[in-house]
Every structure is written in structure tokens, then in C-alpha cells.
C-alpha atoms as a PDB file:
ATOM      1  CA  MET A   1     102.136 104.131  76.417  1.00  0.00           C
ATOM      2  CA  PHE A   2     100.948 102.297  79.321  1.00  0.00           C
ATOM      3  CA  ARG A   3      97.710 101.685  77.681  1.00  0.00           C
ATOM      4  CA  HIS A   4      99.317 100.117  74.748  1.00  0.00           C
ATOM      5  CA  ILE A   5     101.595  98.032  77.011  1.00  0.00           C
ATOM      6  CA  LEU A   6      98.561  96.755  78.864  1.00  0.00           C
ATOM      7  CA  ALA A   7      96.519  96.144  75.787  1.00  0.00           C
ATOM      8  CA  ALA A   8      99.563  94.061  74.508  1.00  0.00           C
ATOM      9  CA  LEU A   9      99.554  92.109  77.699  1.00  0.00           C
ATOM     10  CA  PHE A  10      95.778  91.374  77.598  1.00  0.00           C
ATOM     11  CA  ILE A  11      96.045  90.127  73.946  1.00  0.00           C
ATOM     12  CA  PHE A  12      98.880  87.955  74.889  1.00  0.00           C
ATOM     13  CA  VAL A  13      96.902  86.701  77.905  1.00  0.00           C
ATOM     14  CA  ASN A  14      93.885  85.973  76.026  1.00  0.00           C
ATOM     15  CA  VAL A  15      95.367  84.359  72.952  1.00  0.00           C
ATOM     16  CA  SER A  16      97.989  82.200  75.026  1.00  0.00           C
ATOM     17  CA  SER A  17      95.512  80.950  77.574  1.00  0.00           C
ATOM     18  CA  ALA A  18      92.342  80.501  75.656  1.00  0.00           C
ATOM     19  CA  LYS A  19      92.880  76.900  74.891  1.00  0.00           C
ATOM     20  CA  ALA A  20      94.247  75.918  78.313  1.00  0.00           C
ATOM     21  CA  TYR A  21      91.639  77.753  79.994  1.00  0.00           C
ATOM     22  CA  SER A  22      88.638  76.226  78.166  1.00  0.00           C
ATOM     23  CA  THR A  23      90.189  72.738  78.661  1.00  0.00           C
ATOM     24  CA  TYR A  24      90.449  73.590  82.336  1.00  0.00           C
ATOM     25  CA  GLN A  25      86.694  74.661  82.577  1.00  0.00           C
ATOM     26  CA  ALA A  26      85.604  71.511  80.796  1.00  0.00           C
ATOM     27  CA  SER A  27      87.445  69.239  83.045  1.00  0.00           C
ATOM     28  CA  SER A  28      87.105  71.275  86.373  1.00  0.00           C
ATOM     29  CA  SER A  29      83.537  72.853  86.016  1.00  0.00           C
ATOM     30  CA  SER A  30      82.995  72.245  89.842  1.00  0.00           C
ATOM     31  CA  SER A  31      85.996  74.196  91.089  1.00  0.00           C
ATOM     32  CA  GLN A  32      85.707  77.688  92.681  1.00  0.00           C
ATOM     33  CA  ALA A  33      85.973  80.740  90.506  1.00  0.00           C
ATOM     34  CA  ASP A  34      88.944  82.116  92.498  1.00  0.00           C
ATOM     35  CA  GLU A  35      90.859  78.959  91.669  1.00  0.00           C
ATOM     36  CA  GLU A  36      90.336  79.291  87.961  1.00  0.00           C
ATOM     37  CA  HIS A  37      92.692  82.155  87.225  1.00  0.00           C
ATOM     38  CA  VAL A  38      95.524  81.762  84.992  1.00  0.00           C
ATOM     39  CA  MET A  39      98.951  83.555  84.770  1.00  0.00           C
ATOM     40  CA  PRO A  40     102.244  83.268  82.996  1.00  0.00           C
ATOM     41  CA  ALA A  41     104.928  81.024  84.540  1.00  0.00           C
ATOM     42  CA  GLY A  42     107.637  82.880  82.940  1.00  0.00           C
ATOM     43  CA  ASP A  43     108.455  80.160  80.345  1.00  0.00           C
ATOM     44  CA  ASP A  44     105.599  80.442  78.024  1.00  0.00           C
ATOM     45  CA  ARG A  45     103.444  78.019  80.262  1.00  0.00           C
ATOM     46  CA  TRP A  46     100.135  78.998  81.821  1.00  0.00           C
ATOM     47  CA  THR A  47      98.883  77.698  85.016  1.00  0.00           C
ATOM     48  CA  HIS A  48      95.877  78.121  87.357  1.00  0.00           C
ATOM     49  CA  TRP A  49      96.688  79.916  90.186  1.00  0.00           C
ATOM     50  CA  PRO A  50      95.877  79.249  93.930  1.00  0.00           C
ATOM     51  CA  TRP A  51      94.712  82.629  95.046  1.00  0.00           C
ATOM     52  CA  SER A  52      93.081  81.189  98.259  1.00  0.00           C
ATOM     53  CA  LEU A  53      96.425  80.136  99.533  1.00  0.00           C
ATOM     54  CA  ALA A  54      97.842  83.852  99.676  1.00  0.00           C
ATOM     55  CA  GLN A  55     100.146  84.494 102.695  1.00  0.00           C
ATOM     56  CA  PRO A  56     100.561  87.434 104.946  1.00  0.00           C
ATOM     57  CA  PHE A  57     102.557  90.089 103.036  1.00  0.00           C
ATOM     58  CA  PRO A  58     106.427  89.872 103.367  1.00  0.00           C
ATOM     59  CA  TRP A  59     107.310  93.573 104.466  1.00  0.00           C
ATOM     60  CA  LEU A  60     110.928  92.540 105.360  1.00  0.00           C
ATOM     61  CA  ASP A  61     111.563  91.013 101.757  1.00  0.00           C
ATOM     62  CA  ILE A  62     109.839  93.435  99.645  1.00  0.00           C
ATOM     63  CA  GLN A  63     112.100  96.403  99.789  1.00  0.00           C
ATOM     64  CA  GLY A  64     114.283  96.675  96.701  1.00  0.00           C
ATOM     65  CA  THR A  65     114.288  96.378  92.948  1.00  0.00           C
ATOM     66  CA  TRP A  66     112.066  93.687  91.301  1.00  0.00           C
ATOM     67  CA  LYS A  67     111.628  92.567  87.641  1.00  0.00           C
ATOM     68  CA  VAL A  68     108.892  91.177  85.655  1.00  0.00           C
ATOM     69  CA  GLU A  69     109.588  89.797  82.283  1.00  0.00           C
ATOM     70  CA  GLN A  70     107.219  88.015  79.730  1.00  0.00           C
ATOM     71  CA  GLU A  71     107.862  87.631  76.085  1.00  0.00           C
ATOM     72  CA  ASP A  72     108.917  91.232  74.901  1.00  0.00           C
ATOM     73  CA  TYR A  73     107.562  93.077  77.862  1.00  0.00           C
ATOM     74  CA  THR A  74     110.075  93.859  80.649  1.00  0.00           C
ATOM     75  CA  SER A  75     109.677  96.229  83.500  1.00  0.00           C
ATOM     76  CA  TYR A  76     111.314  96.902  86.858  1.00  0.00           C
ATOM     77  CA  PHE A  77     109.733  97.888  90.064  1.00  0.00           C
ATOM     78  CA  ILE A  78     111.459  99.640  92.877  1.00  0.00           C
ATOM     79  CA  PHE A  79     109.657  99.181  96.306  1.00  0.00           C
ATOM     80  CA  LYS A  80     110.477 101.255  99.464  1.00  0.00           C
ATOM     81  CA  VAL A  81     108.850 100.467 102.609  1.00  0.00           C
ATOM     82  CA  VAL A  82     107.748 103.601 104.790  1.00  0.00           C
ATOM     83  CA  GLN A  83     106.283 103.135 108.290  1.00  0.00           C
ATOM     84  CA  GLN A  84     103.448 105.525 109.064  1.00  0.00           C
ATOM     85  CA  LYS A  85     103.061 107.187 112.479  1.00  0.00           C
ATOM     86  CA  ASN A  86     100.298 104.849 113.299  1.00  0.00           C
ATOM     87  CA  GLY A  87     102.697 101.873 112.825  1.00  0.00           C
ATOM     88  CA  ARG A  88     101.143 100.615 109.576  1.00  0.00           C
ATOM     89  CA  ASN A  89     103.460 100.106 106.532  1.00  0.00           C
ATOM     90  CA  GLN A  90     103.181 101.869 103.186  1.00  0.00           C
ATOM     91  CA  ILE A  91     105.258 101.076 100.228  1.00  0.00           C
ATOM     92  CA  LYS A  92     106.511 103.617  97.724  1.00  0.00           C
ATOM     93  CA  VAL A  93     106.446 102.053  94.127  1.00  0.00           C
ATOM     94  CA  THR A  94     108.406 103.355  91.198  1.00  0.00           C
ATOM     95  CA  GLN A  95     107.919 101.559  87.772  1.00  0.00           C
ATOM     96  CA  ILE A  96     110.858 101.606  85.294  1.00  0.00           C
ATOM     97  CA  ASP A  97     110.659 100.762  81.707  1.00  0.00           C
ATOM     98  CA  GLY A  98     112.916  97.783  80.760  1.00  0.00           C
ATOM     99  CA  SER A  99     113.987  99.104  77.533  1.00  0.00           C
ATOM    100  CA  THR A 100     114.897 102.784  78.398  1.00  0.00           C
ATOM    101  CA  CYS A 101     115.432 102.477  82.110  1.00  0.00           C
ATOM    102  CA  GLN A 102     113.381 105.482  82.624  1.00  0.00           C
ATOM    103  CA  GLU A 103     110.757 106.022  85.119  1.00  0.00           C
ATOM    104  CA  ILE A 104     107.149 105.151  83.789  1.00  0.00           C
ATOM    105  CA  GLY A 105     105.149 105.933  86.781  1.00  0.00           C
ATOM    106  CA  ARG A 106     105.076 106.058  90.644  1.00  0.00           C
ATOM    107  CA  GLY A 107     102.618 105.595  93.525  1.00  0.00           C
ATOM    108  CA  VAL A 108     102.025 104.561  96.980  1.00  0.00           C
ATOM    109  CA  GLY A 109     100.566 101.385  98.102  1.00  0.00           C
ATOM    110  CA  VAL A 110      98.843 100.213 101.336  1.00  0.00           C
ATOM    111  CA  GLU A 111      97.957  96.580 102.748  1.00  0.00           C
ATOM    112  CA  THR A 112      94.448  95.622 102.422  1.00  0.00           C
ATOM    113  CA  GLY A 113      92.480  92.537 103.246  1.00  0.00           C
ATOM    114  CA  THR A 114      90.629  90.889 100.374  1.00  0.00           C
ATOM    115  CA  LYS A 115      87.870  88.058 100.357  1.00  0.00           C
ATOM    116  CA  GLY A 116      89.121  85.004  98.629  1.00  0.00           C
ATOM    117  CA  LEU A 117      92.831  85.454  99.554  1.00  0.00           C
ATOM    118  CA  GLY A 118      92.900  83.009 102.385  1.00  0.00           C
ATOM    119  CA  LYS A 119      94.855  84.283 105.409  1.00  0.00           C
ATOM    120  CA  GLY A 120      96.724  86.739 103.150  1.00  0.00           C
ATOM    121  CA  ALA A 121      96.450  90.252 102.203  1.00  0.00           C
ATOM    122  CA  LEU A 122      97.452  92.304  99.183  1.00  0.00           C
ATOM    123  CA  VAL A 123      99.227  95.446  98.760  1.00  0.00           C
ATOM    124  CA  TYR A 124      97.217  97.790  96.544  1.00  0.00           C
ATOM    125  CA  ALA A 125      98.739 100.904  94.925  1.00  0.00           C
ATOM    126  CA  GLN A 126      97.414 103.516  92.872  1.00  0.00           C
ATOM    127  CA  MET A 127     100.103 104.601  90.206  1.00  0.00           C
ATOM    128  CA  THR A 128     100.478 107.818  88.058  1.00  0.00           C
ATOM    129  CA  ARG A 129     101.829 107.690  84.821  1.00  0.00           C
ATOM    130  CA  LYS A 130     104.803 110.070  84.476  1.00  0.00           C
ATOM    131  CA  SER A 131     104.155 111.226  80.848  1.00  0.00           C
ATOM    132  CA  ASN A 132     100.393 112.121  80.927  1.00  0.00           C
ATOM    133  CA  GLY A 133      99.319 111.844  84.602  1.00  0.00           C
ATOM    134  CA  LYS A 134      96.844 109.116  84.012  1.00  0.00           C
ATOM    135  CA  THR A 135      96.284 106.678  86.729  1.00  0.00           C
ATOM    136  CA  TYR A 136      96.489 102.809  86.937  1.00  0.00           C
ATOM    137  CA  ARG A 137      96.276 100.051  89.521  1.00  0.00           C
ATOM    138  CA  LEU A 138      98.853  97.660  90.771  1.00  0.00           C
ATOM    139  CA  SER A 139      98.590  95.067  93.483  1.00  0.00           C
ATOM    140  CA  LEU A 140     101.041  92.612  95.140  1.00  0.00           C
ATOM    141  CA  THR A 141     100.089  89.185  96.542  1.00  0.00           C
ATOM    142  CA  ALA A 142     102.507  86.844  98.371  1.00  0.00           C
ATOM    143  CA  PHE A 143     102.489  83.024  98.246  1.00  0.00           C
ATOM    144  CA  LYS A 144     104.713  80.119  99.734  1.00  0.00           C
ATOM    145  CA  ARG A 145     107.024  78.771  97.187  1.00  0.00           C
ATOM    146  CA  SER A 146     105.742  75.344  97.993  1.00  0.00           C
ATOM    147  CA  ASP A 147     102.126  76.449  97.052  1.00  0.00           C
ATOM    148  CA  SER A 148     103.233  77.502  93.504  1.00  0.00           C
ATOM    149  CA  PRO A 149     101.654  75.140  90.812  1.00  0.00           C
ATOM    150  CA  LEU A 150     105.013  75.285  89.036  1.00  0.00           C
ATOM    151  CA  PRO A 151     108.432  75.745  90.023  1.00  0.00           C
ATOM    152  CA  PRO A 152     108.722  79.388  90.958  1.00  0.00           C
ATOM    153  CA  LEU A 153     111.027  81.734  89.149  1.00  0.00           C
ATOM    154  CA  GLN A 154     114.224  82.913  91.175  1.00  0.00           C
ATOM    155  CA  GLY A 155     115.878  86.171  90.904  1.00  0.00           C
ATOM    156  CA  ASN A 156     119.368  87.382  92.021  1.00  0.00           C
ATOM    157  CA  VAL A 157     118.055  87.824  95.607  1.00  0.00           C
ATOM    158  CA  TYR A 158     116.305  84.941  97.437  1.00  0.00           C
ATOM    159  CA  THR A 159     113.095  85.707  99.104  1.00  0.00           C
ATOM    160  CA  GLU A 160     110.982  83.430 101.345  1.00  0.00           C
ATOM    161  CA  SER A 161     107.851  84.325  99.551  1.00  0.00           C
ATOM    162  CA  MET A 162     107.206  84.498  95.980  1.00  0.00           C
ATOM    163  CA  ILE A 163     105.284  87.600  94.657  1.00  0.00           C
ATOM    164  CA  VAL A 164     102.647  87.956  92.026  1.00  0.00           C
ATOM    165  CA  LEU A 165     102.040  91.409  90.589  1.00  0.00           C
ATOM    166  CA  SER A 166      98.585  92.427  89.144  1.00  0.00           C
ATOM    167  CA  MET A 167      98.126  95.353  86.958  1.00  0.00           C
ATOM    168  CA  GLY A 168      95.227  96.942  85.165  1.00  0.00           C
ATOM    169  CA  GLU A 169      93.393 100.238  84.626  1.00  0.00           C
ATOM    170  CA  MET A 170      91.660 102.067  87.322  1.00  0.00           C
ATOM    171  CA  ASP A 171      88.116 101.144  86.297  1.00  0.00           C
ATOM    172  CA  GLN A 172      89.029  97.303  86.724  1.00  0.00           C
ATOM    173  CA  GLN A 173      87.543  96.407  90.022  1.00  0.00           C
ATOM    174  CA  ASN A 174      88.565  92.886  90.645  1.00  0.00           C
ATOM    175  CA  LEU A 175      91.449  90.337  90.065  1.00  0.00           C
ATOM    176  CA  ASP A 176      89.619  88.774  87.010  1.00  0.00           C
ATOM    177  CA  ASP A 177      90.193  91.915  85.008  1.00  0.00           C
ATOM    178  CA  MET A 178      93.764  92.378  85.618  1.00  0.00           C
ATOM    179  CA  VAL A 179      97.086  90.937  84.160  1.00  0.00           C
ATOM    180  CA  HIS A 180      99.028  88.685  86.592  1.00  0.00           C
ATOM    181  CA  MET A 181     102.813  87.914  86.575  1.00  0.00           C
ATOM    182  CA  GLN A 182     105.346  86.603  88.972  1.00  0.00           C
ATOM    183  CA  ILE A 183     108.047  89.171  89.801  1.00  0.00           C
ATOM    184  CA  ILE A 184     111.484  88.342  91.027  1.00  0.00           C
ATOM    185  CA  LYS A 185     113.683  90.338  93.287  1.00  0.00           C
ATOM    186  CA  VAL A 186     116.900  91.327  91.399  1.00  0.00           C
ATOM    187  CA  SER A 187     118.624  93.768  93.878  1.00  0.00           C
ATOM    188  CA  SER A 188     118.307  94.874  97.404  1.00  0.00           C
ATOM    189  CA  GLN A 189     119.156  98.390  96.219  1.00  0.00           C
ATOM    190  CA  MET A 190     116.539 100.936  95.275  1.00  0.00           C
ATOM    191  CA  THR A 191     118.059 102.394  91.991  1.00  0.00           C
ATOM    192  CA  GLN A 192     117.761 101.857  88.316  1.00  0.00           C
ATOM    193  CA  LYS A 193     121.392 100.420  88.220  1.00  0.00           C
ATOM    194  CA  THR A 194     120.032  96.834  87.659  1.00  0.00           C
ATOM    195  CA  CYS A 195     118.131  97.924  84.631  1.00  0.00           C
ATOM    196  CA  ILE A 196     120.993  99.755  83.208  1.00  0.00           C
ATOM    197  CA  GLN A 197     123.349  96.692  83.773  1.00  0.00           C
ATOM    198  CA  ASP A 198     120.709  94.342  82.261  1.00  0.00           C
ATOM    199  CA  ALA A 199     120.379  96.721  79.080  1.00  0.00           C
ATOM    200  CA  LYS A 200     124.137  96.529  78.477  1.00  0.00           C
ATOM    201  CA  ASN A 201     124.245  92.619  78.556  1.00  0.00           C
END
């Protein structure tokens, strides 16, 4: 199921952004590769994303339920922060299907520094698919709202940073091979209630 969802996302990415991306390459051939990334802005517009402006990860804001929505694809992510004995933070991730409100997969994420992400770092998680045990990758990157190329999406709960979720299969080794979408915080609770309420509306 996840493979089909991911394939559909990649098709949507490639078809929707091909024209804008080729135009950008023609007019900005001297720009750095990490500035040429495109991602959905949530309203059918595509934009080049400033990955080099990534910020330190907002551990105080991340805990709760977040939502990603693009075209017909909707998914929820429940994040729970756990502090290890060495003082470092981990994040437990549960992905919820936006249609059924059932758990799709779960995993654990850790913060890791990454070249090309400015003074920021990303949280990388290895997720396990509940139905068949297959694994996939998920990463979270934080940005200042003022650095967003377009007005950022706003959820039910305000957060100082805006978060970009990147998702792909395990054999995809870099950001260029992943699907990128802004996620919004919809609840400080860590339950499936928000999904169920949205499904009723």
C-alpha cells in the first residue's frame, strides 16, 4: 500500500513540477543544486525550497499530531519525544492513514547533522510498515516561517518553526530522491482523534 501511495506521490511530483522546474533550470543554471529542490506549497503551487536555511530542530514544538495533505493524499503523523539516558532526544513516530484513521507504520527517529542544511539538522526515522513489515524512510527538517518562499501553511496549533516532511523508500539515499511536503500541527494530543474528527466532517 505504501509503495502505491509513494508511487502516486512521485508521479504527481514529476508531472506537476516538470514545467516549472525546467523553466527554473533555464533561468537559474548557476544556482546551487541544493537550492533547486521543489515541493508542494499545499495549494497546487510548486516552489524551490531553501534547504541551506534549515534551522535547529524544534523539539519543544514537535510533540503532538501533524497532518500532511496534497491532492487526494492525506496522512497524519503522531510524534512523541523521548529523552535518552545520555540526554539526547529521540522521537517515536506513528503514521496514520487519512482515510481509515488506522495505523500505517511506526518507527523511531534521531537527530543527525546533514551537509547542505545550514546550521540546522534533520530528524531521520526508519519506519516499519504495519501490514507487511517493509521499511521506509522519513525525515523532518525545520525552517523559519520568514524563510518560506511562499506563505507557510498554518495548522490548528501555532508553531514557531515550519516543518518539511520528506518520505521515500529505504534505498533512496539523499533528499533529491524523496517526496517533500510541509506538515502542519493539528493537535497537541498524541491520538487518532483528530483524524476521526476530520473524517466525520
